[in-house]
Amino acid sequence: MQKYPYNKDKQQAFQAAQQGYENAQSLYETIVSDSASYGHQLKHLKNEVNEAYQQIENALEVASEKQRAQLERFQRDLKQIVSEVNME
């Protein structure tokens, strides 16, 4: 029997959210707006962002105070990506 399953779940949820955020951030940085596959890349980015949002929401349910601050920063950064992509 595990001693701290709640803390372990908290860490796993945070790591999943962080990974989702990093995936979306990385994809955003590689998109080139004048590329022939921009539309496809944009669709892929939106999927990644949506998945990251969901992972962040899940992680926020069990996050520690420190994790919560980081997760909220991830959310703000993702919102910035969405607004920049929607302006183009």
Protein backbone atom coordinates (compact mmCIF):
# COMPACT_ATOMS: atom_id res chain seq x y z
CA MET A 1 0.00 0.00 0.00
CA GLN A 2 1.29 3.43 -0.93
CA LYS A 3 1.86 5.91 1.85
CA TYR A 4 0.96 9.13 0.01
CA PRO A 5 -1.25 8.34 -2.99
CA TYR A 6 -2.82 11.81 -2.82
CA ASN A 7 0.55 13.56 -3.08
CA LYS A 8 1.62 11.20 -5.84
CA ASP A 9 -1.60 11.91 -7.78
CA LYS A 10 -1.04 15.61 -7.23
CA GLN A 11 2.47 15.36 -8.69
CA GLN A 12 1.34 13.21 -11.62
CA ALA A 13 -1.50 15.61 -12.42
CA PHE A 14 0.89 18.54 -12.29
CA GLN A 15 3.42 16.78 -14.52
CA ALA A 16 0.73 15.90 -17.07
CA ALA A 17 -0.41 19.53 -17.12
CA GLN A 18 3.16 20.77 -17.44
CA GLN A 19 3.83 18.35 -20.31
CA GLY A 20 0.64 19.40 -22.10
CA TYR A 21 1.56 23.05 -21.69
CA GLU A 22 5.10 22.45 -22.99
CA ASN A 23 3.77 20.50 -25.98
CA ALA A 24 1.43 23.35 -26.92
CA GLN A 25 4.15 25.97 -26.35
CA SER A 26 6.64 24.03 -28.47
CA LEU A 27 4.18 23.54 -31.30
CA TYR A 28 3.27 27.24 -31.23
CA GLU A 29 6.92 28.19 -31.55
CA THR A 30 7.39 25.96 -34.61
CA ILE A 31 4.40 27.24 -36.57
CA VAL A 32 5.31 29.47 -39.47
CA SER A 33 2.36 31.55 -40.62
CA ASP A 34 3.32 31.62 -44.30
CA SER A 35 3.99 27.89 -44.54
CA ALA A 36 1.86 25.75 -46.84
CA SER A 37 0.76 23.57 -43.92
CA TYR A 38 -0.12 26.47 -41.62
CA GLY A 39 -3.82 25.54 -41.49
CA HIS A 40 -3.01 21.98 -40.52
CA GLN A 41 -0.46 23.13 -37.95
CA LEU A 42 -2.95 25.60 -36.50
CA LYS A 43 -5.56 22.87 -36.09
CA HIS A 44 -2.98 20.67 -34.38
CA LEU A 45 -1.99 23.57 -32.10
CA LYS A 46 -5.62 24.16 -31.10
CA ASN A 47 -5.98 20.49 -30.20
CA GLU A 48 -2.79 20.63 -28.12
CA VAL A 49 -3.91 23.80 -26.36
CA ASN A 50 -7.33 22.30 -25.57
CA GLU A 51 -5.71 19.16 -24.22
CA ALA A 52 -3.30 21.23 -22.13
CA TYR A 53 -6.20 23.29 -20.73
CA GLN A 54 -7.97 20.08 -19.70
CA GLN A 55 -4.83 18.69 -18.03
CA ILE A 56 -4.33 21.98 -16.20
CA GLU A 57 -7.95 22.00 -15.01
CA ASN A 58 -7.55 18.43 -13.72
CA ALA A 59 -4.30 19.30 -11.96
CA LEU A 60 -5.79 22.43 -10.36
CA GLU A 61 -8.31 20.22 -8.54
CA VAL A 62 -5.52 18.60 -6.50
CA ALA A 63 -2.67 21.12 -6.79
CA SER A 64 -0.56 22.38 -3.94
CA GLU A 65 -0.24 26.15 -3.45
CA LYS A 66 3.07 26.24 -5.36
CA GLN A 67 1.75 24.06 -8.18
CA ARG A 68 -1.40 26.17 -8.42
CA ALA A 69 0.62 29.33 -9.10
CA GLN A 70 2.57 27.55 -11.85
CA LEU A 71 -0.57 26.05 -13.37
CA GLU A 72 -2.24 29.46 -13.44
CA ARG A 73 0.81 30.85 -15.25
CA PHE A 74 0.49 28.02 -17.79
CA GLN A 75 -3.14 29.04 -18.33
CA ARG A 76 -2.20 32.69 -18.87
CA ASP A 77 0.52 31.71 -21.36
CA LEU A 78 -1.89 29.46 -23.26
CA LYS A 79 -4.46 32.26 -23.41
CA GLN A 80 -1.75 34.50 -24.86
CA ILE A 81 -0.98 31.90 -27.54
CA VAL A 82 -4.67 31.62 -28.41
CA SER A 83 -5.09 35.39 -28.69
CA GLU A 84 -1.97 35.76 -30.85
CA VAL A 85 -3.01 32.95 -33.19
CA ASN A 86 -6.56 34.32 -33.46
CA MET A 87 -5.21 37.76 -34.44
CA GLU A 88 -3.33 36.46 -37.47
